[in-house]
Protein backbone atom coordinates (compact mmCIF):
# COMPACT_ATOMS: atom_id res chain seq x y z
CA MET A 1 96.62 89.98 100.84
CA LYS A 2 96.93 93.42 101.29
CA LEU A 3 96.85 95.96 104.63
CA ALA A 4 94.96 99.03 104.51
CA LEU A 5 95.13 101.83 107.28
CA PHE A 6 92.90 105.27 107.36
CA ASP A 7 93.57 107.98 110.42
CA LEU A 8 90.00 109.46 110.75
CA ASP A 9 89.98 113.08 111.75
CA ASN A 10 90.67 115.55 109.10
CA THR A 11 91.79 112.28 106.30
CA LEU A 12 88.58 110.10 106.00
CA LEU A 13 86.28 112.99 107.80
CA ALA A 14 86.22 116.44 106.64
CA GLY A 15 86.86 117.76 109.61
CA ASP A 16 87.87 116.30 113.82
CA SER A 17 85.27 113.85 115.74
CA ASP A 18 86.79 114.52 119.22
CA TYR A 19 86.90 118.43 118.59
CA GLU A 20 83.50 118.41 117.17
CA TRP A 21 82.23 115.80 119.89
CA GLY A 22 83.06 118.55 122.87
CA GLN A 23 81.32 121.37 120.69
CA PHE A 24 78.04 119.19 120.57
CA LEU A 25 78.12 118.40 124.07
CA ILE A 26 78.29 122.67 124.28
CA ASP A 27 75.78 122.95 122.10
CA THR A 28 73.08 121.13 123.79
CA GLY A 29 74.10 122.37 126.89
CA VAL A 30 75.85 119.49 128.29
CA LEU A 31 79.35 121.02 128.79
CA ASP A 32 79.16 125.02 129.87
CA ARG A 33 80.55 127.08 126.94
CA GLY A 34 82.52 129.43 128.80
CA ASP A 35 85.52 127.35 130.28
CA TYR A 36 85.13 124.12 128.04
CA GLU A 37 85.29 125.56 124.46
CA ALA A 38 88.12 127.56 125.17
CA ARG A 39 90.17 124.46 126.43
CA ASN A 40 89.22 122.37 123.45
CA LYS A 41 90.20 124.66 121.02
CA GLY A 42 93.23 125.33 122.75
CA PHE A 43 93.98 121.17 122.35
CA TYR A 44 93.13 121.49 119.13
CA ASP A 45 95.75 124.05 118.36
CA GLN A 46 98.05 121.74 120.29
CA TYR A 47 97.36 118.87 117.92
CA LYS A 48 97.97 120.70 115.11
CA ALA A 49 101.52 122.41 115.79
CA GLY A 50 102.45 118.66 117.13
CA THR A 51 102.75 120.08 121.06
CA LEU A 52 99.96 117.91 122.19
CA ASP A 53 100.31 116.40 125.68
CA ILE A 54 97.99 113.53 125.32
CA MET A 55 97.42 112.39 128.83
CA GLU A 56 96.54 115.52 129.80
CA PHE A 57 94.06 115.85 126.44
CA LEU A 58 92.56 112.79 127.32
CA ALA A 59 91.83 113.23 130.99
CA PHE A 60 90.11 116.51 129.51
CA ALA A 61 88.19 114.32 126.71
CA LEU A 62 87.50 111.53 128.57
CA ALA A 63 85.67 113.47 131.69
CA PRO A 64 82.54 113.80 130.22
CA LEU A 65 81.74 109.95 129.48
CA ALA A 66 82.26 109.10 133.11
CA SER A 67 79.79 112.08 134.27
CA HIS A 68 76.75 110.52 132.60
CA PRO A 69 75.02 106.73 132.01
CA ARG A 70 76.09 105.07 128.70
CA SER A 71 72.32 104.99 127.93
CA THR A 72 72.40 108.79 127.77
CA LEU A 73 75.89 108.95 126.12
CA ASP A 74 74.40 106.85 123.22
CA ALA A 75 71.22 108.91 122.63
CA TRP A 76 73.84 111.64 122.35
CA HIS A 77 76.25 109.82 120.16
CA ALA A 78 73.29 109.10 117.78
CA ALA A 79 72.31 112.76 117.13
CA PHE A 80 75.90 113.92 117.08
CA MET A 81 76.34 111.59 113.93
CA GLN A 82 73.35 112.87 112.02
CA GLY A 83 73.77 116.55 112.63
CA ARG A 84 77.71 116.53 112.73
CA ILE A 85 79.61 113.62 111.54
CA LEU A 86 77.38 112.29 108.21
CA PRO A 87 77.73 115.83 106.59
CA MET A 88 81.66 115.11 107.50
CA MET A 89 81.55 111.81 105.31
CA ARG A 90 82.05 112.90 101.96
CA GLU A 91 82.54 110.91 98.64
CA PRO A 92 85.48 110.73 98.08
CA ALA A 93 86.64 109.78 100.91
CA ARG A 94 84.05 106.78 100.73
CA GLU A 95 85.36 106.06 97.49
CA LEU A 96 88.54 105.98 98.92
CA VAL A 97 87.95 103.03 101.10
CA ALA A 98 85.91 101.06 98.56
CA ARG A 99 88.57 100.81 96.32
CA HIS A 100 90.33 99.06 99.21
CA ALA A 101 87.32 96.40 99.19
CA GLY A 102 89.05 93.13 99.62
CA ASN A 103 92.13 94.52 101.67
CA LEU A 104 92.23 93.82 106.17
CA CYS A 105 91.35 97.16 106.62
CA ALA A 106 91.15 99.40 109.87
CA VAL A 107 90.41 102.72 111.43
CA VAL A 108 93.57 103.79 112.98
CA THR A 109 92.55 106.93 115.32
CA ALA A 110 93.63 108.73 118.70
CA THR A 111 89.99 109.65 119.11
CA ASN A 112 88.34 107.29 121.53
CA SER A 113 86.49 104.33 120.53
CA PHE A 114 83.04 105.52 121.99
CA VAL A 115 83.27 108.39 119.93
CA THR A 116 84.48 106.85 116.91
CA ALA A 117 83.29 103.24 116.48
CA PRO A 118 79.80 104.24 114.94
CA ILE A 119 82.03 106.50 112.79
CA ALA A 120 84.20 103.76 111.43
CA ARG A 121 80.88 101.31 110.81
CA ALA A 122 79.51 103.94 108.63
CA PHE A 123 82.44 103.77 106.56
CA GLY A 124 81.54 100.18 106.05
CA ILE A 125 85.47 99.55 107.25
CA PRO A 126 85.54 96.45 110.00
CA HIS A 127 88.12 96.80 112.21
CA LEU A 128 88.87 100.09 114.98
CA VAL A 129 91.98 100.95 116.36
CA ALA A 130 91.96 103.58 119.04
CA THR A 131 92.45 104.99 121.98
CA GLU A 132 90.29 102.97 124.70
CA PRO A 133 88.26 104.99 127.11
CA GLU A 134 88.74 102.80 130.71
CA GLN A 135 85.22 101.20 131.85
CA ASP A 136 84.26 99.90 135.29
CA GLY A 137 82.58 96.42 136.00
CA GLY A 138 79.57 97.57 135.11
CA GLY A 139 80.66 99.07 131.93
CA ARG A 140 80.33 102.99 133.03
CA PHE A 141 83.49 104.89 131.62
CA THR A 142 85.62 105.79 134.52
CA GLY A 143 87.25 108.76 132.69
CA ARG A 144 90.59 107.13 132.46
CA VAL A 145 92.74 105.67 129.38
CA ALA A 146 92.96 101.77 129.21
CA GLY A 147 96.11 100.91 127.80
CA ILE A 148 98.23 103.09 125.48
CA PRO A 149 96.70 105.91 123.75
CA CYS A 150 96.70 105.65 120.14
CA PHE A 151 98.93 108.36 119.61
CA ARG A 152 102.17 109.07 117.71
CA GLU A 153 104.03 105.86 118.13
CA GLY A 154 100.96 104.61 119.82
CA LYS A 155 99.35 103.92 116.96
CA VAL A 156 102.58 101.65 115.66
CA SER A 157 102.00 99.70 119.39
CA ARG A 158 98.57 99.50 118.94
CA VAL A 159 98.30 98.41 115.35
CA GLN A 160 101.25 95.65 115.65
CA ALA A 161 98.84 94.16 118.57
CA TRP A 162 95.82 94.29 117.10
CA LEU A 163 97.41 92.59 114.15
CA ALA A 164 99.36 90.25 116.21
CA GLY A 165 95.87 89.13 117.77
CA LEU A 166 94.77 88.25 113.85
CA GLY A 167 98.26 86.22 113.76
CA HIS A 168 100.17 89.06 111.92
CA ALA A 169 102.47 91.32 111.77
CA VAL A 170 102.39 94.59 109.27
CA GLU A 171 105.59 92.77 107.33
CA ASP A 172 103.44 89.87 106.32
CA PHE A 173 101.15 91.84 103.83
CA GLU A 174 102.39 92.62 100.31
CA GLU A 175 101.31 96.20 100.49
CA GLN A 176 100.81 98.26 103.32
CA TRP A 177 98.52 101.87 103.03
CA PHE A 178 98.57 104.19 105.61
CA TYR A 179 96.53 107.21 104.28
CA SER A 180 96.67 110.59 106.98
CA ASP A 181 96.79 113.89 107.26
CA SER A 182 99.06 114.78 110.07
CA ALA A 183 102.57 114.70 110.74
CA ASN A 184 101.10 112.90 114.37
CA ASP A 185 101.11 110.12 112.01
CA LEU A 186 104.66 110.01 111.14
CA PRO A 187 106.01 106.99 113.08
CA LEU A 188 103.14 105.07 111.50
CA LEU A 189 103.29 106.27 108.07
CA GLU A 190 107.33 105.66 108.11
CA ARG A 191 106.18 102.19 108.89
CA VAL A 192 103.94 101.15 105.60
CA SER A 193 104.98 100.38 101.91
CA HIS A 194 102.29 103.11 100.56
CA PRO A 195 102.86 106.10 103.17
CA VAL A 196 99.58 109.02 101.30
CA ALA A 197 99.52 112.37 103.16
CA VAL A 198 96.02 112.93 103.19
CA ASP A 199 94.95 117.16 102.41
CA PRO A 200 98.40 117.12 104.74
CA ASP A 201 99.36 119.88 107.44
CA GLU A 202 102.31 122.04 106.42
CA ARG A 203 104.59 119.69 108.51
CA LEU A 204 103.59 116.61 106.79
CA ARG A 205 103.64 118.50 103.15
CA ALA A 206 107.12 119.16 103.77
CA VAL A 207 108.14 115.43 104.52
CA ALA A 208 105.65 114.17 102.05
CA LEU A 209 107.66 116.40 99.06
CA GLN A 210 110.71 115.52 100.92
CA ARG A 211 110.40 111.50 100.15
CA GLY A 212 107.91 111.26 97.20
CA TRP A 213 104.89 110.53 99.09
CA PRO A 214 101.67 110.60 97.34
CA ILE A 215 99.49 113.40 98.13
CA VAL A 216 95.48 113.35 97.56
CA ALA A 217 93.28 115.96 98.18
CA LEU A 218 89.87 114.32 99.43
CA HIS A 219 88.31 117.69 100.60
CA ARG A 220 89.47 120.67 99.07
C-alpha cells in the first residue's frame, strides 16, 4: 500500500481557506472589517514568512467559532464553500488527487477541521488530519485548541497519531507522498519517500532545488 498526503491551502486549493474564511465573515458583516481584516492579513503574512506564532493565531482564528451556534456556522460555511472554495478547486488539483486513487489518502492541514472537513470531502479525500477546535459537552466550540496544532513538527506528530489509530506507521508504506507549497511543512516533507513542492514559496523552492525534489505547478 502507498500513502498520499496533501497539504490544502495553496496546494490543492488555489488560495488559503483559513484566510478566506476570515474574509468571508468580514464581507458578510459577521466580523468588523477595521481591526479583523488587518490582523487576518498580518497573520497570513507571518505564516508566509515562517514567523507565525501558531497559538496566537489560533486564539484569533477560533474565536468567531465560539461566538455562534453550530447551526449558524454550518449555514455560513455552506455559502463559503459555494462562493469562495469551489472556485479555488481547480482541475489540475482534482487530477492529482485522482492519480492517487487506491492509495491511503489524507489532507494534512494546519487550518482547523471545521473549515477544512467539507473541503476534503469535496475533493473526495476520505481522511483529514487538521488542527482540532475544542468543543464543549454540547458540541459548541470553545475558541480553544484540542490537542497539538497540526503545524510544522505538529503535522508529523498528528500524522503519526492518525496512522497509529489505523494500525500503521509511515514506514509501513512502500511509498509515501506529501505535496505542499510551504517551507513550514519541511518537517513532514523530510519524513516521506516522495516529497513534492507544489507552486512552492521561495524558501521551499530553494530547498527543493537543492535536494532534487520534484516541483510541480497546479495553479500557475
